[in-house]
Amino acid sequence: MPSSRTSAGELLFLDTSVLVRLYYLERDDPFAWAVDLAQRPDALLAASHLAYVETLAAFHALRRGRAITSRRQASLSAAFRADWPSFLRVARGLVPTVPVPAFEEDRA
């Protein structure tokens, strides 16, 4: 799924919610645009090291909530594990952040 590390495309940092959606996208998901962006042929995908465990846990939660079967969970997990080596992995604190004004106001 992700592009090769040698791609000259745009680097996209994916959080766990988008990683899960790359493998399991519900109908009418309002964030389908993020999946479309990540699936562009020139996209170079990056994720945090922690996203690996979080994504597998999310697949488990989908099964536990009966959104998917055990067989589907195994399939999604296997596909993600196979793709994981092609993601760039970013250590915590190395990803630039952009403040979200609405969130910042709530914290004040």
C-alpha atoms as a PDB file:
ATOM      1  CA  MET A   1       0.000   0.000   0.000  1.00  0.00           C
ATOM      2  CA  PRO A   2       2.557   2.700   0.896  1.00  0.00           C
ATOM      3  CA  SER A   3       5.024   3.963  -1.677  1.00  0.00           C
ATOM      4  CA  SER A   4       8.645   2.922  -1.687  1.00  0.00           C
ATOM      5  CA  ARG A   5      10.995   4.808   0.623  1.00  0.00           C
ATOM      6  CA  THR A   6      12.804   6.067  -2.463  1.00  0.00           C
ATOM      7  CA  SER A   7       9.725   7.851  -3.803  1.00  0.00           C
ATOM      8  CA  ALA A   8      10.119  11.554  -4.471  1.00  0.00           C
ATOM      9  CA  GLY A   9       6.464  12.213  -3.637  1.00  0.00           C
ATOM     10  CA  GLU A  10       4.885  14.230  -0.883  1.00  0.00           C
ATOM     11  CA  LEU A  11       5.482  12.993   2.659  1.00  0.00           C
ATOM     12  CA  LEU A  12       2.261  12.377   4.584  1.00  0.00           C
ATOM     13  CA  PHE A  13       2.275  11.618   8.298  1.00  0.00           C
ATOM     14  CA  LEU A  14      -0.651   9.344   9.112  1.00  0.00           C
ATOM     15  CA  ASP A  15      -2.142   9.037  12.557  1.00  0.00           C
ATOM     16  CA  THR A  16      -3.687   5.769  13.684  1.00  0.00           C
ATOM     17  CA  SER A  17      -7.193   6.745  12.620  1.00  0.00           C
ATOM     18  CA  VAL A  18      -6.089   7.143   9.006  1.00  0.00           C
ATOM     19  CA  LEU A  19      -3.978   3.978   9.119  1.00  0.00           C
ATOM     20  CA  VAL A  20      -7.018   1.995  10.219  1.00  0.00           C
ATOM     21  CA  ARG A  21      -9.093   3.585   7.463  1.00  0.00           C
ATOM     22  CA  LEU A  22      -6.538   2.502   4.842  1.00  0.00           C
ATOM     23  CA  TYR A  23      -7.556  -1.071   5.617  1.00  0.00           C
ATOM     24  CA  TYR A  24     -11.111  -0.701   6.897  1.00  0.00           C
ATOM     25  CA  LEU A  25     -13.162   2.200   5.558  1.00  0.00           C
ATOM     26  CA  GLU A  26     -16.821   2.374   6.487  1.00  0.00           C
ATOM     27  CA  ARG A  27     -19.374   3.535   3.957  1.00  0.00           C
ATOM     28  CA  ASP A  28     -19.907   7.309   4.016  1.00  0.00           C
ATOM     29  CA  ASP A  29     -16.871   7.852   6.260  1.00  0.00           C
ATOM     30  CA  PRO A  30     -16.340  11.629   6.486  1.00  0.00           C
ATOM     31  CA  PHE A  31     -12.559  11.124   6.365  1.00  0.00           C
ATOM     32  CA  ALA A  32     -12.464   9.116   3.141  1.00  0.00           C
ATOM     33  CA  TRP A  33     -10.619  12.087   1.611  1.00  0.00           C
ATOM     34  CA  ALA A  34      -7.631  11.290   3.856  1.00  0.00           C
ATOM     35  CA  VAL A  35      -7.512   7.740   2.514  1.00  0.00           C
ATOM     36  CA  ASP A  36      -7.704   9.065  -1.052  1.00  0.00           C
ATOM     37  CA  LEU A  37      -4.786  11.375  -0.328  1.00  0.00           C
ATOM     38  CA  ALA A  38      -2.730   8.564   1.241  1.00  0.00           C
ATOM     39  CA  GLN A  39      -3.408   6.238  -1.698  1.00  0.00           C
ATOM     40  CA  ARG A  40      -2.031   8.614  -4.300  1.00  0.00           C
ATOM     41  CA  PRO A  41       0.788   6.911  -6.214  1.00  0.00           C
ATOM     42  CA  ASP A  42       3.304   9.636  -5.291  1.00  0.00           C
ATOM     43  CA  ALA A  43       2.501   9.651  -1.552  1.00  0.00           C
ATOM     44  CA  LEU A  44       5.289   8.703   0.820  1.00  0.00           C
ATOM     45  CA  LEU A  45       3.659   7.562   4.040  1.00  0.00           C
ATOM     46  CA  ALA A  46       5.018   7.992   7.541  1.00  0.00           C
ATOM     47  CA  ALA A  47       3.669   6.966  10.930  1.00  0.00           C
ATOM     48  CA  SER A  48       4.841   6.881  14.505  1.00  0.00           C
ATOM     49  CA  HIS A  49       6.288   3.698  15.949  1.00  0.00           C
ATOM     50  CA  LEU A  50       3.370   3.587  18.373  1.00  0.00           C
ATOM     51  CA  ALA A  51       0.879   3.544  15.489  1.00  0.00           C
ATOM     52  CA  TYR A  52       1.823  -0.087  14.779  1.00  0.00           C
ATOM     53  CA  VAL A  53       0.409  -1.327  18.086  1.00  0.00           C
ATOM     54  CA  GLU A  54      -2.472   1.129  18.025  1.00  0.00           C
ATOM     55  CA  THR A  55      -3.582   0.010  14.548  1.00  0.00           C
ATOM     56  CA  LEU A  56      -3.538  -3.677  15.465  1.00  0.00           C
ATOM     57  CA  ALA A  57      -5.462  -2.836  18.654  1.00  0.00           C
ATOM     58  CA  ALA A  58      -8.040  -0.933  16.600  1.00  0.00           C
ATOM     59  CA  PHE A  59      -8.584  -3.993  14.380  1.00  0.00           C
ATOM     60  CA  HIS A  60      -9.105  -6.034  17.546  1.00  0.00           C
ATOM     61  CA  ALA A  61     -11.595  -3.459  18.851  1.00  0.00           C
ATOM     62  CA  LEU A  62     -13.533  -3.656  15.569  1.00  0.00           C
ATOM     63  CA  ARG A  63     -13.805  -7.427  16.020  1.00  0.00           C
ATOM     64  CA  ARG A  64     -14.723  -7.121  19.679  1.00  0.00           C
ATOM     65  CA  GLY A  65     -17.449  -4.647  18.696  1.00  0.00           C
ATOM     66  CA  ARG A  66     -18.638  -7.100  16.029  1.00  0.00           C
ATOM     67  CA  ALA A  67     -17.993  -4.707  13.148  1.00  0.00           C
ATOM     68  CA  ILE A  68     -15.755  -7.390  11.598  1.00  0.00           C
ATOM     69  CA  THR A  69     -15.254 -11.134  11.976  1.00  0.00           C
ATOM     70  CA  SER A  70     -12.190 -12.827  13.455  1.00  0.00           C
ATOM     71  CA  ARG A  71     -11.211 -13.901   9.943  1.00  0.00           C
ATOM     72  CA  ARG A  72     -11.471 -10.313   8.693  1.00  0.00           C
ATOM     73  CA  GLN A  73      -9.415  -9.087  11.648  1.00  0.00           C
ATOM     74  CA  ALA A  74      -6.701 -11.617  10.803  1.00  0.00           C
ATOM     75  CA  SER A  75      -6.763 -10.514   7.167  1.00  0.00           C
ATOM     76  CA  LEU A  76      -6.570  -6.801   7.993  1.00  0.00           C
ATOM     77  CA  SER A  77      -3.780  -7.399  10.513  1.00  0.00           C
ATOM     78  CA  ALA A  78      -1.789  -9.487   8.036  1.00  0.00           C
ATOM     79  CA  ALA A  79      -2.129  -6.862   5.311  1.00  0.00           C
ATOM     80  CA  PHE A  80      -1.061  -4.093   7.687  1.00  0.00           C
ATOM     81  CA  ARG A  81       1.924  -6.098   8.971  1.00  0.00           C
ATOM     82  CA  ALA A  82       3.007  -6.792   5.379  1.00  0.00           C
ATOM     83  CA  ASP A  83       2.822  -3.078   4.517  1.00  0.00           C
ATOM     84  CA  TRP A  84       4.426  -1.780   7.720  1.00  0.00           C
ATOM     85  CA  PRO A  85       8.070  -2.048   6.532  1.00  0.00           C
ATOM     86  CA  SER A  86       7.328   0.353   3.670  1.00  0.00           C
ATOM     87  CA  PHE A  87       6.118   3.124   6.002  1.00  0.00           C
ATOM     88  CA  LEU A  88       8.644   5.645   7.202  1.00  0.00           C
ATOM     89  CA  ARG A  89       8.600   5.539  10.967  1.00  0.00           C
ATOM     90  CA  VAL A  90       8.942   8.745  12.922  1.00  0.00           C
ATOM     91  CA  ALA A  91      10.040   9.037  16.523  1.00  0.00           C
ATOM     92  CA  ARG A  92       7.858  11.006  18.899  1.00  0.00           C
ATOM     93  CA  GLY A  93       8.637  14.694  18.916  1.00  0.00           C
ATOM     94  CA  LEU A  94      10.015  14.781  15.372  1.00  0.00           C
ATOM     95  CA  VAL A  95       6.719  15.488  13.648  1.00  0.00           C
ATOM     96  CA  PRO A  96       5.920  19.174  13.321  1.00  0.00           C
ATOM     97  CA  THR A  97       2.559  20.037  14.829  1.00  0.00           C
ATOM     98  CA  VAL A  98       0.093  22.685  13.841  1.00  0.00           C
ATOM     99  CA  PRO A  99      -2.085  24.121  16.620  1.00  0.00           C
ATOM    100  CA  VAL A 100      -5.809  23.787  16.092  1.00  0.00           C
ATOM    101  CA  PRO A 101      -7.366  27.101  17.182  1.00  0.00           C
ATOM    102  CA  ALA A 102     -10.653  25.591  18.418  1.00  0.00           C
ATOM    103  CA  PHE A 103      -8.760  23.093  20.547  1.00  0.00           C
ATOM    104  CA  GLU A 104      -6.447  25.747  21.925  1.00  0.00           C
ATOM    105  CA  GLU A 105      -9.438  27.878  22.952  1.00  0.00           C
ATOM    106  CA  ASP A 106     -10.971  24.945  24.857  1.00  0.00           C
ATOM    107  CA  ARG A 107      -7.771  24.509  26.845  1.00  0.00           C
ATOM    108  CA  ALA A 108      -7.651  28.132  28.044  1.00  0.00           C
END
